[in-house]
Amino acid sequence: MLSRAVLPALILLSLSAPAKSQTEDLPSDPYAHTRRLNLLSAALESGYFSNSFAEDRGQKPPADFTTITGRWIVGTGGEHSRHGDHHVAQTTSAATFCLLERSLLVVQNFRAEVSIAGDGGNLAKAAGLYFHRPDGLQFTFVELDWKTNQVAAYYWDGAGERLLASAAYPLWRRGWHRLGVSVQGPRLSVTLKGRLVFSAQLPYDDEAGFMGFLTRQDSRARFDQLVIRPDPSNRTRRQRQATTDP
């Protein structure tokens, strides 16, 4: 495990590299981004970032948590890999990167906003954000689908995915889309550029563990300026249990 003293410098070197243009092709090594994300996961595990407000330390989440990735996420198939409580995964259906796992931030109500850009080519099929229940076995994802010009929300329960809601939307082949996801209890709201696109009822109303990026297989997209704002009224699961347990 990298030491806490070394991590900050490595992270800055990794994340401060000059950003690629939105239309530039991927580097010759398509897995370079995975190694950079592995480094960020190691930082999370070490406590350098969000573990300082981990639920298991009895602390509340911050008013907001912001990170900027400016990196490509590529759906290429392969095997799922796990790094502690943080996923950098190449699955058979998607490439995912989970920023904050349930052991770090468990909230019932939250709002997230992220900028997503496709590559402007044939590979820009679908990309979005996902979040899951505390058990990690069921999750919801909201994605932009450049192939069908739709914004859609799906629910996956281990057996397959089902559509919760969708809406037609003229997505740009190039340039950024500001996607917003808001969860209030069992209610999901999705916005683009700050305007409501649709709302849907989630199949559950317990805590949602937040969250990661997701792209469909053979897709690629770029994510930037992710902002997570938990509802100020939230209490951690442990605090809620403390008020109900005898």
C-alpha atoms as a PDB file:
ATOM      1  CA  MET A   1       0.000   0.000   0.000  1.00  0.00           C
ATOM      2  CA  LEU A   2       1.333   3.410  -0.896  1.00  0.00           C
ATOM      3  CA  SER A   3       2.087   5.659   2.044  1.00  0.00           C
ATOM      4  CA  ARG A   4      -0.095   8.681   2.759  1.00  0.00           C
ATOM      5  CA  ALA A   5       2.910  10.941   2.259  1.00  0.00           C
ATOM      6  CA  VAL A   6       3.478   9.696  -1.299  1.00  0.00           C
ATOM      7  CA  LEU A   7      -0.153   9.528  -2.441  1.00  0.00           C
ATOM      8  CA  PRO A   8      -0.898  13.275  -2.764  1.00  0.00           C
ATOM      9  CA  ALA A   9       2.021  13.861  -5.137  1.00  0.00           C
ATOM     10  CA  LEU A  10       1.166  10.827  -7.266  1.00  0.00           C
ATOM     11  CA  ILE A  11      -2.485  11.805  -7.461  1.00  0.00           C
ATOM     12  CA  LEU A  12      -1.657  15.332  -8.549  1.00  0.00           C
ATOM     13  CA  LEU A  13       0.695  14.024 -11.216  1.00  0.00           C
ATOM     14  CA  SER A  14      -1.953  11.618 -12.459  1.00  0.00           C
ATOM     15  CA  LEU A  15      -4.942  13.960 -12.459  1.00  0.00           C
ATOM     16  CA  SER A  16      -3.186  17.164 -13.532  1.00  0.00           C
ATOM     17  CA  ALA A  17      -1.982  15.818 -16.848  1.00  0.00           C
ATOM     18  CA  PRO A  18      -3.029  18.038 -19.788  1.00  0.00           C
ATOM     19  CA  ALA A  19      -6.602  17.259 -20.783  1.00  0.00           C
ATOM     20  CA  LYS A  20      -7.172  15.770 -24.197  1.00  0.00           C
ATOM     21  CA  SER A  21      -9.401  17.513 -26.663  1.00  0.00           C
ATOM     22  CA  GLN A  22     -12.935  16.210 -26.868  1.00  0.00           C
ATOM     23  CA  THR A  23     -12.345  14.779 -30.322  1.00  0.00           C
ATOM     24  CA  GLU A  24      -8.880  13.323 -29.785  1.00  0.00           C
ATOM     25  CA  ASP A  25      -8.520   9.592 -30.162  1.00  0.00           C
ATOM     26  CA  LEU A  26      -7.738   7.404 -27.198  1.00  0.00           C
ATOM     27  CA  PRO A  27      -4.071   6.736 -26.411  1.00  0.00           C
ATOM     28  CA  SER A  28      -2.501   3.577 -27.771  1.00  0.00           C
ATOM     29  CA  ASP A  29      -2.882   1.997 -24.324  1.00  0.00           C
ATOM     30  CA  PRO A  30      -6.662   1.983 -23.665  1.00  0.00           C
ATOM     31  CA  TYR A  31      -6.148   0.752 -20.090  1.00  0.00           C
ATOM     32  CA  ALA A  32      -3.982   3.674 -18.987  1.00  0.00           C
ATOM     33  CA  HIS A  33      -7.069   5.307 -17.492  1.00  0.00           C
ATOM     34  CA  THR A  34      -7.674   2.181 -15.373  1.00  0.00           C
ATOM     35  CA  ARG A  35      -4.252   2.466 -13.799  1.00  0.00           C
ATOM     36  CA  ARG A  36      -4.892   6.126 -13.003  1.00  0.00           C
ATOM     37  CA  LEU A  37      -8.212   5.215 -11.414  1.00  0.00           C
ATOM     38  CA  ASN A  38      -6.530   2.412  -9.463  1.00  0.00           C
ATOM     39  CA  LEU A  39      -4.286   5.067  -7.975  1.00  0.00           C
ATOM     40  CA  LEU A  40      -7.276   7.147  -6.988  1.00  0.00           C
ATOM     41  CA  SER A  41      -8.873   4.069  -5.430  1.00  0.00           C
ATOM     42  CA  ALA A  42      -5.726   3.486  -3.415  1.00  0.00           C
ATOM     43  CA  ALA A  43      -5.968   7.064  -2.201  1.00  0.00           C
ATOM     44  CA  LEU A  44      -9.555   6.513  -1.127  1.00  0.00           C
ATOM     45  CA  GLU A  45      -8.610   3.344   0.717  1.00  0.00           C
ATOM     46  CA  SER A  46      -5.780   5.107   2.514  1.00  0.00           C
ATOM     47  CA  GLY A  47      -8.141   7.728   3.894  1.00  0.00           C
ATOM     48  CA  TYR A  48      -6.502  10.594   2.013  1.00  0.00           C
ATOM     49  CA  PHE A  49      -9.826  11.651   0.513  1.00  0.00           C
ATOM     50  CA  SER A  50     -13.269  10.560   1.582  1.00  0.00           C
ATOM     51  CA  ASN A  51     -12.456   7.986   4.242  1.00  0.00           C
ATOM     52  CA  SER A  52     -11.949  10.896   6.635  1.00  0.00           C
ATOM     53  CA  PHE A  53     -15.747  11.127   6.829  1.00  0.00           C
ATOM     54  CA  ALA A  54     -16.453   7.400   6.656  1.00  0.00           C
ATOM     55  CA  GLU A  55     -19.586   6.106   8.288  1.00  0.00           C
ATOM     56  CA  ASP A  56     -17.617   3.629  10.371  1.00  0.00           C
ATOM     57  CA  ARG A  57     -15.943   6.567  12.083  1.00  0.00           C
ATOM     58  CA  GLY A  58     -19.337   7.894  13.113  1.00  0.00           C
ATOM     59  CA  GLN A  59     -19.011  11.091  11.100  1.00  0.00           C
ATOM     60  CA  LYS A  60     -21.600  12.729   8.865  1.00  0.00           C
ATOM     61  CA  PRO A  61     -20.950  13.183   5.154  1.00  0.00           C
ATOM     62  CA  PRO A  62     -19.783  16.665   4.135  1.00  0.00           C
ATOM     63  CA  ALA A  63     -22.140  19.271   2.714  1.00  0.00           C
ATOM     64  CA  ASP A  64     -20.764  18.474  -0.723  1.00  0.00           C
ATOM     65  CA  PHE A  65     -17.945  16.496  -2.281  1.00  0.00           C
ATOM     66  CA  THR A  66     -16.462  17.478  -5.616  1.00  0.00           C
ATOM     67  CA  THR A  67     -13.982  15.768  -7.859  1.00  0.00           C
ATOM     68  CA  ILE A  68     -12.854  16.381 -11.434  1.00  0.00           C
ATOM     69  CA  THR A  69     -11.746  13.423 -13.492  1.00  0.00           C
ATOM     70  CA  GLY A  70     -11.396  14.679 -17.062  1.00  0.00           C
ATOM     71  CA  ARG A  71     -10.711  11.110 -18.132  1.00  0.00           C
ATOM     72  CA  TRP A  72     -12.101   8.640 -20.618  1.00  0.00           C
ATOM     73  CA  ILE A  73     -14.035   5.616 -19.382  1.00  0.00           C
ATOM     74  CA  VAL A  74     -14.157   2.847 -21.966  1.00  0.00           C
ATOM     75  CA  GLY A  75     -16.488  -0.152 -22.191  1.00  0.00           C
ATOM     76  CA  THR A  76     -14.282  -2.897 -23.576  1.00  0.00           C
ATOM     77  CA  GLY A  77     -15.283  -6.134 -21.867  1.00  0.00           C
ATOM     78  CA  GLY A  78     -12.989  -8.144 -19.613  1.00  0.00           C
ATOM     79  CA  GLU A  79     -12.967  -9.063 -15.952  1.00  0.00           C
ATOM     80  CA  HIS A  80     -14.254  -7.260 -12.902  1.00  0.00           C
ATOM     81  CA  SER A  81     -11.586  -6.168 -10.437  1.00  0.00           C
ATOM     82  CA  ARG A  82     -12.118  -4.978  -6.882  1.00  0.00           C
ATOM     83  CA  HIS A  83      -9.851  -2.719  -4.856  1.00  0.00           C
ATOM     84  CA  GLY A  84     -10.994  -2.756  -1.249  1.00  0.00           C
ATOM     85  CA  ASP A  85     -14.337  -0.992  -1.178  1.00  0.00           C
ATOM     86  CA  HIS A  86     -13.726   0.761  -4.495  1.00  0.00           C
ATOM     87  CA  HIS A  87     -14.431  -0.672  -7.904  1.00  0.00           C
ATOM     88  CA  VAL A  88     -12.446  -0.126 -11.050  1.00  0.00           C
ATOM     89  CA  ALA A  89     -14.210  -2.631 -13.225  1.00  0.00           C
ATOM     90  CA  GLN A  90     -14.053  -3.855 -16.772  1.00  0.00           C
ATOM     91  CA  THR A  91     -17.140  -6.074 -16.989  1.00  0.00           C
ATOM     92  CA  THR A  92     -18.526  -7.922 -19.953  1.00  0.00           C
ATOM     93  CA  SER A  93     -21.219  -5.287 -20.439  1.00  0.00           C
ATOM     94  CA  ALA A  94     -19.683  -2.037 -19.258  1.00  0.00           C
ATOM     95  CA  ALA A  95     -16.749  -0.161 -17.850  1.00  0.00           C
ATOM     96  CA  THR A  96     -17.476   1.285 -14.419  1.00  0.00           C
ATOM     97  CA  PHE A  97     -15.651   3.368 -11.887  1.00  0.00           C
ATOM     98  CA  CYS A  98     -17.187   3.756  -8.447  1.00  0.00           C
ATOM     99  CA  LEU A  99     -15.987   6.911  -6.709  1.00  0.00           C
ATOM    100  CA  LEU A 100     -17.624   6.411  -3.337  1.00  0.00           C
ATOM    101  CA  GLU A 101     -18.692   3.039  -2.007  1.00  0.00           C
ATOM    102  CA  ARG A 102     -21.266   2.259   0.637  1.00  0.00           C
ATOM    103  CA  SER A 103     -18.684   2.015   3.414  1.00  0.00           C
ATOM    104  CA  LEU A 104     -17.698   5.611   2.736  1.00  0.00           C
ATOM    105  CA  LEU A 105     -20.911   7.436   1.972  1.00  0.00           C
ATOM    106  CA  VAL A 106     -24.381   6.023   2.568  1.00  0.00           C
ATOM    107  CA  VAL A 107     -27.149   8.536   2.073  1.00  0.00           C
ATOM    108  CA  GLN A 108     -30.859   8.262   1.492  1.00  0.00           C
ATOM    109  CA  ASN A 109     -31.289  11.559  -0.327  1.00  0.00           C
ATOM    110  CA  PHE A 110     -28.689  13.103  -2.604  1.00  0.00           C
ATOM    111  CA  ARG A 111     -28.176  15.111  -5.753  1.00  0.00           C
ATOM    112  CA  ALA A 112     -25.369  14.489  -8.200  1.00  0.00           C
ATOM    113  CA  GLU A 113     -24.406  16.386 -11.310  1.00  0.00           C
ATOM    114  CA  VAL A 114     -21.781  15.475 -13.877  1.00  0.00           C
ATOM    115  CA  SER A 115     -20.680  16.597 -17.331  1.00  0.00           C
ATOM    116  CA  ILE A 116     -20.563  13.804 -19.913  1.00  0.00           C
ATOM    117  CA  ALA A 117     -19.195  13.961 -23.450  1.00  0.00           C
ATOM    118  CA  GLY A 118     -19.165  11.219 -26.069  1.00  0.00           C
ATOM    119  CA  ASP A 119     -16.357  10.872 -28.572  1.00  0.00           C
ATOM    120  CA  GLY A 120     -18.483  12.065 -31.490  1.00  0.00           C
ATOM    121  CA  GLY A 121     -17.990   8.801 -33.355  1.00  0.00           C
ATOM    122  CA  ASN A 122     -19.610   5.425 -33.773  1.00  0.00           C
ATOM    123  CA  LEU A 123     -18.491   4.205 -30.354  1.00  0.00           C
ATOM    124  CA  ALA A 124     -20.476   6.817 -28.430  1.00  0.00           C
ATOM    125  CA  LYS A 125     -23.453   4.640 -27.621  1.00  0.00           C
ATOM    126  CA  ALA A 126     -24.407   5.106 -23.970  1.00  0.00           C
ATOM    127  CA  ALA A 127     -22.872   6.380 -20.744  1.00  0.00           C
ATOM    128  CA  GLY A 128     -24.116   7.637 -17.417  1.00  0.00           C
ATOM    129  CA  LEU A 129     -24.085   7.357 -13.630  1.00  0.00           C
ATOM    130  CA  TYR A 130     -25.087   4.503 -11.349  1.00  0.00           C
ATOM    131  CA  PHE A 131     -25.863   4.043  -7.673  1.00  0.00           C
ATOM    132  CA  HIS A 132     -26.860   0.982  -5.700  1.00  0.00           C
ATOM    133  CA  ARG A 133     -28.543  -0.302  -2.574  1.00  0.00           C
ATOM    134  CA  PRO A 134     -26.391  -0.860   0.506  1.00  0.00           C
ATOM    135  CA  ASP A 135     -26.218  -4.590  -0.226  1.00  0.00           C
ATOM    136  CA  GLY A 136     -24.575  -3.749  -3.539  1.00  0.00           C
ATOM    137  CA  LEU A 137     -26.625  -6.408  -5.327  1.00  0.00           C
ATOM    138  CA  GLN A 138     -29.199  -4.141  -6.979  1.00  0.00           C
ATOM    139  CA  PHE A 139     -28.513  -0.854  -8.651  1.00  0.00           C
ATOM    140  CA  THR A 140     -30.034   1.880 -10.762  1.00  0.00           C
ATOM    141  CA  PHE A 141     -28.289   3.636 -13.620  1.00  0.00           C
ATOM    142  CA  VAL A 142     -29.199   6.719 -15.615  1.00  0.00           C
ATOM    143  CA  GLU A 143     -27.612   7.045 -19.017  1.00  0.00           C
ATOM    144  CA  LEU A 144     -27.445   9.154 -22.137  1.00  0.00           C
ATOM    145  CA  ASP A 145     -27.892   7.042 -25.266  1.00  0.00           C
ATOM    146  CA  TRP A 146     -26.422   8.729 -28.330  1.00  0.00           C
ATOM    147  CA  LYS A 147     -27.552   5.874 -30.556  1.00  0.00           C
ATOM    148  CA  THR A 148     -31.268   6.396 -29.844  1.00  0.00           C
ATOM    149  CA  ASN A 149     -31.189  10.044 -28.663  1.00  0.00           C
ATOM    150  CA  GLN A 150     -32.721   9.105 -25.340  1.00  0.00           C
ATOM    151  CA  VAL A 151     -32.179   9.675 -21.642  1.00  0.00           C
ATOM    152  CA  ALA A 152     -33.149   6.551 -19.708  1.00  0.00           C
ATOM    153  CA  ALA A 153     -33.132   5.096 -16.198  1.00  0.00           C
ATOM    154  CA  TYR A 154     -32.768   1.344 -15.675  1.00  0.00           C
ATOM    155  CA  TYR A 155     -32.905  -0.922 -12.640  1.00  0.00           C
ATOM    156  CA  TRP A 156     -30.761  -4.052 -12.372  1.00  0.00           C
ATOM    157  CA  ASP A 157     -31.602  -6.734  -9.782  1.00  0.00           C
ATOM    158  CA  GLY A 158     -29.074  -9.451 -10.582  1.00  0.00           C
ATOM    159  CA  ALA A 159     -31.313 -11.243 -13.071  1.00  0.00           C
ATOM    160  CA  GLY A 160     -31.428  -8.492 -15.669  1.00  0.00           C
ATOM    161  CA  GLU A 161     -32.259  -4.864 -16.242  1.00  0.00           C
ATOM    162  CA  ARG A 162     -35.636  -3.223 -16.665  1.00  0.00           C
ATOM    163  CA  LEU A 163     -36.523   0.237 -17.852  1.00  0.00           C
ATOM    164  CA  LEU A 164     -37.849   2.606 -15.184  1.00  0.00           C
ATOM    165  CA  ALA A 165     -38.404   5.652 -17.405  1.00  0.00           C
ATOM    166  CA  SER A 166     -37.034   7.313 -20.521  1.00  0.00           C
ATOM    167  CA  ALA A 167     -37.464  10.421 -22.633  1.00  0.00           C
ATOM    168  CA  ALA A 168     -36.374  11.455 -26.110  1.00  0.00           C
ATOM    169  CA  TYR A 169     -33.679  14.129 -26.078  1.00  0.00           C
ATOM    170  CA  PRO A 170     -31.546  15.525 -28.931  1.00  0.00           C
ATOM    171  CA  LEU A 171     -28.055  14.634 -27.697  1.00  0.00           C
ATOM    172  CA  TRP A 172     -25.049  16.359 -29.253  1.00  0.00           C
ATOM    173  CA  ARG A 173     -22.561  14.119 -30.963  1.00  0.00           C
ATOM    174  CA  ARG A 174     -19.813  16.412 -29.668  1.00  0.00           C
ATOM    175  CA  GLY A 175     -19.645  18.612 -26.608  1.00  0.00           C
ATOM    176  CA  TRP A 176     -20.732  18.289 -23.005  1.00  0.00           C
ATOM    177  CA  HIS A 177     -24.077  17.375 -21.444  1.00  0.00           C
ATOM    178  CA  ARG A 178     -24.723  18.300 -17.807  1.00  0.00           C
ATOM    179  CA  LEU A 179     -26.627  15.328 -16.356  1.00  0.00           C
ATOM    180  CA  GLY A 180     -28.278  15.641 -12.954  1.00  0.00           C
ATOM    181  CA  VAL A 181     -29.562  12.760 -10.811  1.00  0.00           C
ATOM    182  CA  SER A 182     -31.583  13.428  -7.667  1.00  0.00           C
ATOM    183  CA  VAL A 183     -32.902  10.827  -5.226  1.00  0.00           C
ATOM    184  CA  GLN A 184     -35.432  11.710  -2.543  1.00  0.00           C
ATOM    185  CA  GLY A 185     -36.576   8.543  -0.800  1.00  0.00           C
ATOM    186  CA  PRO A 186     -37.927   6.257  -3.541  1.00  0.00           C
ATOM    187  CA  ARG A 187     -38.258   9.125  -6.046  1.00  0.00           C
ATOM    188  CA  LEU A 188     -35.708   9.584  -8.820  1.00  0.00           C
ATOM    189  CA  SER A 189     -35.509  12.817 -10.842  1.00  0.00           C
ATOM    190  CA  VAL A 190     -33.288  13.303 -13.884  1.00  0.00           C
ATOM    191  CA  THR A 191     -32.286  16.657 -15.345  1.00  0.00           C
ATOM    192  CA  LEU A 192     -30.247  17.872 -18.290  1.00  0.00           C
ATOM    193  CA  LYS A 193     -28.786  21.372 -18.165  1.00  0.00           C
ATOM    194  CA  GLY A 194     -30.778  21.947 -14.986  1.00  0.00           C
ATOM    195  CA  ARG A 195     -34.161  21.159 -16.542  1.00  0.00           C
ATOM    196  CA  LEU A 196     -36.273  18.181 -15.494  1.00  0.00           C
ATOM    197  CA  VAL A 197     -36.378  15.443 -18.139  1.00  0.00           C
ATOM    198  CA  PHE A 198     -38.380  12.828 -16.203  1.00  0.00           C
ATOM    199  CA  SER A 199     -39.107  11.398 -12.770  1.00  0.00           C
ATOM    200  CA  ALA A 200     -39.484   7.750 -11.811  1.00  0.00           C
ATOM    201  CA  GLN A 201     -40.320   5.583  -8.819  1.00  0.00           C
ATOM    202  CA  LEU A 202     -37.430   3.460  -7.541  1.00  0.00           C
ATOM    203  CA  PRO A 203     -38.200  -0.151  -6.549  1.00  0.00           C
ATOM    204  CA  TYR A 204     -36.826   0.528  -3.055  1.00  0.00           C
ATOM    205  CA  ASP A 205     -36.816   3.352  -0.521  1.00  0.00           C
ATOM    206  CA  ASP A 206     -33.819   2.541   1.677  1.00  0.00           C
ATOM    207  CA  GLU A 207     -30.354   4.053   1.533  1.00  0.00           C
ATOM    208  CA  ALA A 208     -28.528   4.350  -1.761  1.00  0.00           C
ATOM    209  CA  GLY A 209     -24.762   3.959  -1.874  1.00  0.00           C
ATOM    210  CA  PHE A 210     -23.254   6.474  -4.240  1.00  0.00           C
ATOM    211  CA  MET A 211     -21.951   6.224  -7.025  1.00  0.00           C
ATOM    212  CA  GLY A 212     -19.943   5.666 -10.172  1.00  0.00           C
ATOM    213  CA  PHE A 213     -19.594   6.175 -13.898  1.00  0.00           C
ATOM    214  CA  LEU A 214     -20.843   3.576 -16.362  1.00  0.00           C
ATOM    215  CA  THR A 215     -20.511   3.047 -20.105  1.00  0.00           C
ATOM    216  CA  ARG A 216     -22.107   0.390 -22.257  1.00  0.00           C
ATOM    217  CA  GLN A 217     -19.903  -2.174 -23.956  1.00  0.00           C
ATOM    218  CA  ASP A 218     -18.062  -0.774 -26.977  1.00  0.00           C
ATOM    219  CA  SER A 219     -18.845   2.743 -25.814  1.00  0.00           C
ATOM    220  CA  ARG A 220     -16.576   5.459 -24.619  1.00  0.00           C
ATOM    221  CA  ALA A 221     -17.332   8.737 -22.934  1.00  0.00           C
ATOM    222  CA  ARG A 222     -15.600  11.393 -20.903  1.00  0.00           C
ATOM    223  CA  PHE A 223     -16.715  12.505 -17.448  1.00  0.00           C
ATOM    224  CA  ASP A 224     -15.857  15.776 -15.779  1.00  0.00           C
ATOM    225  CA  GLN A 225     -16.841  17.985 -12.856  1.00  0.00           C
ATOM    226  CA  LEU A 226     -18.794  15.487 -10.792  1.00  0.00           C
ATOM    227  CA  VAL A 227     -20.473  17.155  -7.817  1.00  0.00           C
ATOM    228  CA  ILE A 228     -22.277  15.201  -5.087  1.00  0.00           C
ATOM    229  CA  ARG A 229     -24.494  17.023  -2.602  1.00  0.00           C
ATOM    230  CA  PRO A 230     -26.081  14.866   0.103  1.00  0.00           C
ATOM    231  CA  ASP A 231     -29.246  16.249   1.632  1.00  0.00           C
ATOM    232  CA  PRO A 232     -28.234  18.224   4.769  1.00  0.00           C
ATOM    233  CA  SER A 233     -30.974  16.433   6.722  1.00  0.00           C
ATOM    234  CA  ASN A 234     -29.351  13.040   6.174  1.00  0.00           C
ATOM    235  CA  ARG A 235     -28.101  11.012   9.042  1.00  0.00           C
ATOM    236  CA  THR A 236     -25.778   8.075   8.628  1.00  0.00           C
ATOM    237  CA  ARG A 237     -27.227   4.584   8.852  1.00  0.00           C
ATOM    238  CA  ARG A 238     -25.497   4.061  12.191  1.00  0.00           C
ATOM    239  CA  GLN A 239     -27.019   7.255  13.589  1.00  0.00           C
ATOM    240  CA  ARG A 240     -30.484   6.226  12.415  1.00  0.00           C
ATOM    241  CA  GLN A 241     -30.095   2.813  14.005  1.00  0.00           C
ATOM    242  CA  ALA A 242     -28.921   4.398  17.244  1.00  0.00           C
ATOM    243  CA  THR A 243     -32.203   6.285  17.504  1.00  0.00           C
ATOM    244  CA  THR A 244     -34.334   3.186  16.873  1.00  0.00           C
ATOM    245  CA  ASP A 245     -32.445   0.374  18.604  1.00  0.00           C
ATOM    246  CA  PRO A 246     -33.476  -0.333  22.222  1.00  0.00           C
END
